[in-house]
Amino acid sequence: MQQIINFLIRNKNGLLYVFLLLIALGFTVQANSYHQSKFLNSSSWLTGNIYQTSTNISTYFSLQNENNILVEENKRLRNLLFNKNIVAPDSIKTDSSSTYNIVTANVIKNSYSLSKNYITINAGKNQNVKEDMGVITSNGILGIIDHTSNNFSLVQSILNTKSTINAKLKNEEYFGSLVWDTKDFNTAQLTDIPRLVKLNIGDTIVTGASSSIFPKDIPIGVIKDYSLKKSENVYHINISLFQDMANIKNVYIIKNKDIAEIKELEKKIK
């Protein structure tokens, strides 16, 4: 307390000057509309920047929560898309009449530089995840569940020489197989497209209707380039993938509720 008193005594002239200056400024602002407008504008600018800074800080710390909200919203929208239900957005949900269920998960380990790549996600048997379920991202296809534990699963990436996924040209009904030649982690190959089909660089490739794992028309990528030898009847097509396979965070696991019945029927043919 004594230090405060000593400070005031030592600086009494300067403090008195500042006090009188503030009073004079106050009278000036009150007496002139021009000065009032300038003062209000400066005040608004200062408070606006303070609020903006505060908002930016709070937004930064709430990003994870906002991200989780967006993931859940995407989950509901994908349920709507895959099951073709026309309902109000706030009532989108999976019910007993839906063909597909969606489970969300996060990637905890990702490989993309090997010949047989796998992705580990934090959802497993306890989240009703089973083998042979399809996995996608917000950008496109990712792979198929290969192994599960109680709370984790291994996804066989499309960047795996064992992977073969039914795919087609978006605006055509010609089907082929999506495979990977191990050369580039952002480029896959589409095989078995006959030479009679007219191709264009930039054409979109999507999942086909012949798969019981993925719904039809999930985006995969676009034609990067293609070639056809005179002695061959099918194209060699390189596909530039929509999903950056080196940068994957949130995924959606697709469960086809009819897959058990389909597999049982297929066993009779085999």
Protein backbone atom coordinates (compact mmCIF):
# COMPACT_ATOMS: atom_id res chain seq x y z
CA MET A 1 0.00 0.00 0.00
CA GLN A 2 2.82 2.36 0.90
CA GLN A 3 4.43 1.69 -2.50
CA ILE A 4 1.22 2.72 -4.27
CA ILE A 5 1.08 5.94 -2.26
CA ASN A 6 4.74 6.67 -3.02
CA PHE A 7 4.06 6.04 -6.75
CA LEU A 8 1.13 8.47 -6.75
CA ILE A 9 3.21 11.14 -4.98
CA ARG A 10 6.14 10.74 -7.36
CA ASN A 11 3.95 10.94 -10.45
CA LYS A 12 1.26 13.34 -9.27
CA ASN A 13 1.95 15.90 -12.00
CA GLY A 14 1.80 13.39 -14.82
CA LEU A 15 -1.31 11.71 -13.41
CA LEU A 16 -3.03 15.08 -12.99
CA TYR A 17 -2.19 15.91 -16.61
CA VAL A 18 -3.67 12.65 -17.87
CA PHE A 19 -6.79 13.13 -15.73
CA LEU A 20 -7.38 16.67 -17.05
CA LEU A 21 -6.67 15.50 -20.61
CA LEU A 22 -9.34 12.79 -20.36
CA ILE A 23 -11.85 15.31 -19.01
CA ALA A 24 -11.06 17.69 -21.88
CA LEU A 25 -11.43 14.91 -24.44
CA GLY A 26 -14.74 13.92 -22.89
CA PHE A 27 -16.11 17.46 -23.17
CA THR A 28 -14.83 17.72 -26.75
CA VAL A 29 -16.52 14.48 -27.80
CA GLN A 30 -19.81 15.45 -26.16
CA ALA A 31 -19.81 18.89 -27.77
CA ASN A 32 -19.01 17.83 -31.36
CA SER A 33 -20.90 15.26 -33.43
CA TYR A 34 -17.87 14.69 -35.66
CA HIS A 35 -15.71 13.72 -32.70
CA GLN A 36 -18.53 11.51 -31.36
CA SER A 37 -18.69 9.55 -34.61
CA LYS A 38 -14.91 9.10 -34.70
CA PHE A 39 -14.88 7.95 -31.10
CA LEU A 40 -17.70 5.44 -31.68
CA ASN A 41 -15.99 4.11 -34.81
CA SER A 42 -12.70 3.64 -32.95
CA SER A 43 -14.50 2.02 -30.05
CA SER A 44 -16.34 -0.35 -32.38
CA TRP A 45 -13.11 -1.27 -34.13
CA LEU A 46 -11.37 -2.01 -30.83
CA THR A 47 -14.20 -4.04 -29.31
CA GLY A 48 -14.78 -5.82 -32.63
CA ASN A 49 -11.18 -6.96 -32.78
CA ILE A 50 -11.27 -8.06 -29.15
CA TYR A 51 -14.41 -10.12 -29.78
CA GLN A 52 -12.96 -11.55 -32.98
CA THR A 53 -9.78 -12.62 -31.19
CA SER A 54 -11.84 -14.16 -28.40
CA THR A 55 -14.01 -15.98 -30.94
CA ASN A 56 -10.97 -17.28 -32.82
CA ILE A 57 -9.50 -18.66 -29.61
CA SER A 58 -12.71 -20.35 -28.50
CA THR A 59 -13.28 -21.70 -32.02
CA TYR A 60 -9.81 -23.22 -32.06
CA PHE A 61 -10.40 -25.11 -28.82
CA SER A 62 -13.84 -26.29 -29.98
CA LEU A 63 -12.65 -27.63 -33.35
CA GLN A 64 -12.66 -31.25 -32.17
CA ASN A 65 -16.23 -30.97 -30.97
CA GLU A 66 -17.31 -29.27 -34.19
CA ASN A 67 -15.54 -31.94 -36.20
CA ASN A 68 -17.41 -34.68 -34.33
CA ILE A 69 -20.70 -32.91 -35.02
CA LEU A 70 -19.89 -32.72 -38.74
CA VAL A 71 -18.92 -36.40 -38.83
CA GLU A 72 -22.24 -37.38 -37.25
CA GLU A 73 -24.13 -35.13 -39.66
CA ASN A 74 -22.34 -36.74 -42.60
CA LYS A 75 -23.24 -40.13 -41.17
CA ARG A 76 -26.94 -39.24 -41.17
CA LEU A 77 -26.74 -37.80 -44.68
CA ARG A 78 -25.01 -40.91 -46.00
CA ASN A 79 -27.71 -43.07 -44.45
CA LEU A 80 -30.21 -40.95 -46.35
CA LEU A 81 -28.25 -41.22 -49.60
CA PHE A 82 -27.57 -44.95 -49.48
CA ASN A 83 -31.08 -45.89 -48.46
CA LYS A 84 -32.88 -43.35 -50.69
CA ASN A 85 -35.20 -42.15 -47.91
CA ILE A 86 -36.89 -38.80 -48.52
CA VAL A 87 -37.39 -37.41 -45.03
CA ALA A 88 -36.83 -34.18 -43.14
CA PRO A 89 -33.13 -33.57 -42.32
CA ASP A 90 -33.73 -33.58 -38.56
CA SER A 91 -35.33 -37.01 -38.72
CA ILE A 92 -32.74 -38.83 -40.82
CA LYS A 93 -31.96 -42.12 -39.11
CA THR A 94 -31.36 -45.78 -39.80
CA ASP A 95 -34.39 -47.98 -39.18
CA SER A 96 -35.40 -51.59 -39.78
CA SER A 97 -36.33 -50.85 -43.41
CA SER A 98 -32.89 -49.47 -44.31
CA THR A 99 -30.48 -51.59 -46.32
CA TYR A 100 -27.32 -49.88 -45.04
CA ASN A 101 -26.12 -48.89 -41.58
CA ILE A 102 -23.26 -46.42 -41.07
CA VAL A 103 -20.62 -46.54 -38.30
CA THR A 104 -18.08 -43.74 -37.87
CA ALA A 105 -14.46 -44.21 -36.83
CA ASN A 106 -11.05 -42.55 -36.79
CA VAL A 107 -7.84 -43.74 -38.42
CA ILE A 108 -5.10 -44.49 -35.89
CA LYS A 109 -2.57 -46.04 -38.28
CA ASN A 110 -2.24 -45.80 -42.05
CA SER A 111 0.19 -47.46 -44.46
CA TYR A 112 0.38 -46.60 -48.16
CA SER A 113 3.96 -47.37 -49.25
CA LEU A 114 3.87 -51.19 -49.12
CA SER A 115 2.51 -53.62 -51.68
CA LYS A 116 -0.14 -54.81 -49.21
CA ASN A 117 -1.35 -51.83 -47.19
CA TYR A 118 -3.69 -51.89 -44.21
CA ILE A 119 -5.37 -49.15 -42.18
CA THR A 120 -6.16 -49.46 -38.47
CA ILE A 121 -9.35 -47.78 -37.22
CA ASN A 122 -10.79 -47.39 -33.72
CA ALA A 123 -14.02 -49.34 -34.16
CA GLY A 124 -14.52 -53.07 -33.83
CA LYS A 125 -16.89 -55.79 -32.66
CA ASN A 126 -18.19 -53.65 -29.80
CA GLN A 127 -19.32 -51.10 -32.39
CA ASN A 128 -20.96 -53.84 -34.53
CA VAL A 129 -18.16 -53.76 -37.08
CA LYS A 130 -17.58 -57.05 -38.91
CA GLU A 131 -15.36 -58.41 -41.66
CA ASP A 132 -16.27 -57.60 -45.27
CA MET A 133 -17.83 -54.23 -44.47
CA GLY A 134 -16.95 -51.41 -46.84
CA VAL A 135 -15.05 -48.35 -45.62
CA ILE A 136 -15.21 -44.91 -47.26
CA THR A 137 -14.25 -41.32 -46.47
CA SER A 138 -15.99 -38.05 -47.25
CA ASN A 139 -14.00 -38.00 -50.53
CA GLY A 140 -14.34 -41.55 -51.76
CA ILE A 141 -13.69 -45.25 -51.30
CA LEU A 142 -11.02 -46.54 -48.90
CA GLY A 143 -11.17 -50.33 -48.52
CA ILE A 144 -12.82 -53.33 -46.86
CA ILE A 145 -12.73 -54.55 -43.25
CA ASP A 146 -10.38 -57.56 -43.11
CA HIS A 147 -9.95 -58.30 -39.38
CA THR A 148 -11.64 -57.06 -36.19
CA SER A 149 -10.99 -57.05 -32.45
CA ASN A 150 -13.30 -55.72 -29.74
CA ASN A 151 -12.52 -52.05 -30.38
CA PHE A 152 -10.32 -51.95 -33.48
CA SER A 153 -10.35 -53.14 -37.08
CA LEU A 154 -7.89 -53.62 -39.91
CA VAL A 155 -9.02 -52.26 -43.26
CA GLN A 156 -7.58 -53.81 -46.40
CA SER A 157 -6.78 -50.65 -48.32
CA ILE A 158 -7.51 -50.27 -52.02
CA LEU A 159 -3.71 -49.82 -52.12
CA ASN A 160 -3.29 -53.55 -51.70
CA THR A 161 -2.43 -56.05 -54.43
CA LYS A 162 -5.07 -58.38 -52.98
CA SER A 163 -7.81 -55.76 -53.37
CA THR A 164 -10.33 -56.11 -56.20
CA ILE A 165 -13.41 -53.87 -56.10
CA ASN A 166 -16.26 -53.66 -58.59
CA ALA A 167 -16.19 -50.26 -60.33
CA LYS A 168 -17.62 -48.59 -63.41
CA LEU A 169 -17.77 -45.45 -65.51
CA LYS A 170 -20.23 -43.02 -63.93
CA ASN A 171 -22.33 -42.44 -67.04
CA GLU A 172 -21.95 -45.91 -68.55
CA GLU A 173 -22.96 -49.39 -67.46
CA TYR A 174 -19.63 -51.02 -68.29
CA PHE A 175 -18.11 -52.64 -65.22
CA GLY A 176 -14.53 -53.47 -64.34
CA SER A 177 -12.29 -54.14 -61.36
CA LEU A 178 -10.40 -51.53 -59.36
CA VAL A 179 -6.88 -52.82 -58.63
CA TRP A 180 -3.49 -51.32 -57.70
CA ASP A 181 -0.12 -51.77 -59.43
CA THR A 182 1.90 -50.42 -56.42
CA LYS A 183 3.52 -47.58 -58.41
CA ASP A 184 1.70 -44.51 -57.00
CA PHE A 185 -0.34 -44.32 -53.80
CA ASN A 186 -2.77 -41.81 -55.33
CA THR A 187 -3.33 -43.76 -58.55
CA ALA A 188 -5.25 -47.02 -58.99
CA GLN A 189 -6.13 -49.00 -62.11
CA LEU A 190 -9.45 -49.99 -63.68
CA THR A 191 -9.37 -53.23 -65.65
CA ASP A 192 -11.73 -55.14 -67.99
CA ILE A 193 -13.30 -52.13 -69.73
CA PRO A 194 -13.81 -53.21 -73.37
CA ARG A 195 -12.32 -51.28 -76.29
CA LEU A 196 -15.74 -50.42 -77.71
CA VAL A 197 -16.31 -47.97 -74.84
CA LYS A 198 -15.48 -44.33 -75.55
CA LEU A 199 -13.23 -42.97 -72.81
CA ASN A 200 -12.19 -39.42 -71.94
CA ILE A 201 -9.55 -38.18 -69.54
CA GLY A 202 -11.40 -36.76 -66.54
CA ASP A 203 -14.31 -39.22 -66.70
CA THR A 204 -15.53 -40.14 -63.21
CA ILE A 205 -15.22 -43.68 -61.87
CA VAL A 206 -17.64 -44.92 -59.17
CA THR A 207 -18.52 -48.16 -57.41
CA GLY A 208 -20.63 -50.58 -59.41
CA ALA A 209 -23.96 -52.19 -58.68
CA SER A 210 -22.49 -55.71 -58.61
CA SER A 211 -20.99 -55.28 -55.15
CA SER A 212 -22.80 -56.38 -51.98
CA ILE A 213 -20.24 -54.44 -49.92
CA PHE A 214 -20.51 -50.91 -51.31
CA PRO A 215 -23.63 -49.03 -52.45
CA LYS A 216 -23.69 -48.03 -56.09
CA ASP A 217 -22.13 -44.77 -57.31
CA ILE A 218 -19.71 -44.02 -54.45
CA PRO A 219 -16.99 -41.77 -56.00
CA ILE A 220 -13.58 -43.34 -56.58
CA GLY A 221 -11.66 -41.00 -58.87
CA VAL A 222 -11.25 -39.77 -62.44
CA ILE A 223 -9.47 -41.18 -65.47
CA LYS A 224 -5.89 -39.91 -65.42
CA ASP A 225 -4.79 -41.61 -68.63
CA TYR A 226 -5.47 -44.77 -70.60
CA SER A 227 -3.96 -46.92 -73.32
CA LEU A 228 -5.03 -49.69 -75.68
CA LYS A 229 -2.78 -51.97 -77.70
CA LYS A 230 -4.02 -53.22 -81.06
CA SER A 231 -3.77 -56.81 -79.89
CA GLU A 232 -5.88 -56.18 -76.76
CA ASN A 233 -9.63 -55.97 -76.30
CA VAL A 234 -9.63 -54.06 -72.99
CA TYR A 235 -8.15 -50.75 -71.85
CA HIS A 236 -5.38 -50.16 -69.34
CA ILE A 237 -6.78 -47.23 -67.32
CA ASN A 238 -5.08 -45.21 -64.59
CA ILE A 239 -7.43 -43.63 -62.04
CA SER A 240 -6.52 -40.53 -60.04
CA LEU A 241 -8.14 -41.18 -56.66
CA PHE A 242 -10.35 -38.54 -55.04
CA GLN A 243 -9.10 -39.49 -51.58
CA ASP A 244 -5.53 -38.53 -50.67
CA MET A 245 -4.45 -41.94 -49.36
CA ALA A 246 -1.65 -40.42 -47.27
CA ASN A 247 -4.03 -38.10 -45.39
CA ILE A 248 -6.97 -39.96 -43.85
CA LYS A 249 -8.62 -39.08 -40.52
CA ASN A 250 -12.35 -39.83 -40.34
CA VAL A 251 -13.97 -42.84 -42.01
CA TYR A 252 -17.44 -44.30 -42.50
CA ILE A 253 -18.03 -48.05 -42.24
CA ILE A 254 -20.91 -49.36 -44.35
CA LYS A 255 -22.90 -52.37 -43.21
CA ASN A 256 -25.17 -54.01 -45.77
CA LYS A 257 -27.91 -55.63 -43.67
CA ASP A 258 -28.70 -58.04 -46.51
CA ILE A 259 -25.13 -59.29 -47.02
CA ALA A 260 -25.59 -62.52 -45.00
CA GLU A 261 -28.58 -63.51 -47.10
CA ILE A 262 -26.72 -62.64 -50.32
CA LYS A 263 -23.68 -64.71 -49.32
CA GLU A 264 -25.85 -67.66 -48.39
CA LEU A 265 -27.49 -67.53 -51.80
CA GLU A 266 -24.12 -67.26 -53.57
CA LYS A 267 -22.84 -70.36 -51.74
CA LYS A 268 -25.48 -72.44 -53.54
CA ILE A 269 -23.99 -71.42 -56.87
CA LYS A 270 -20.46 -72.27 -55.77
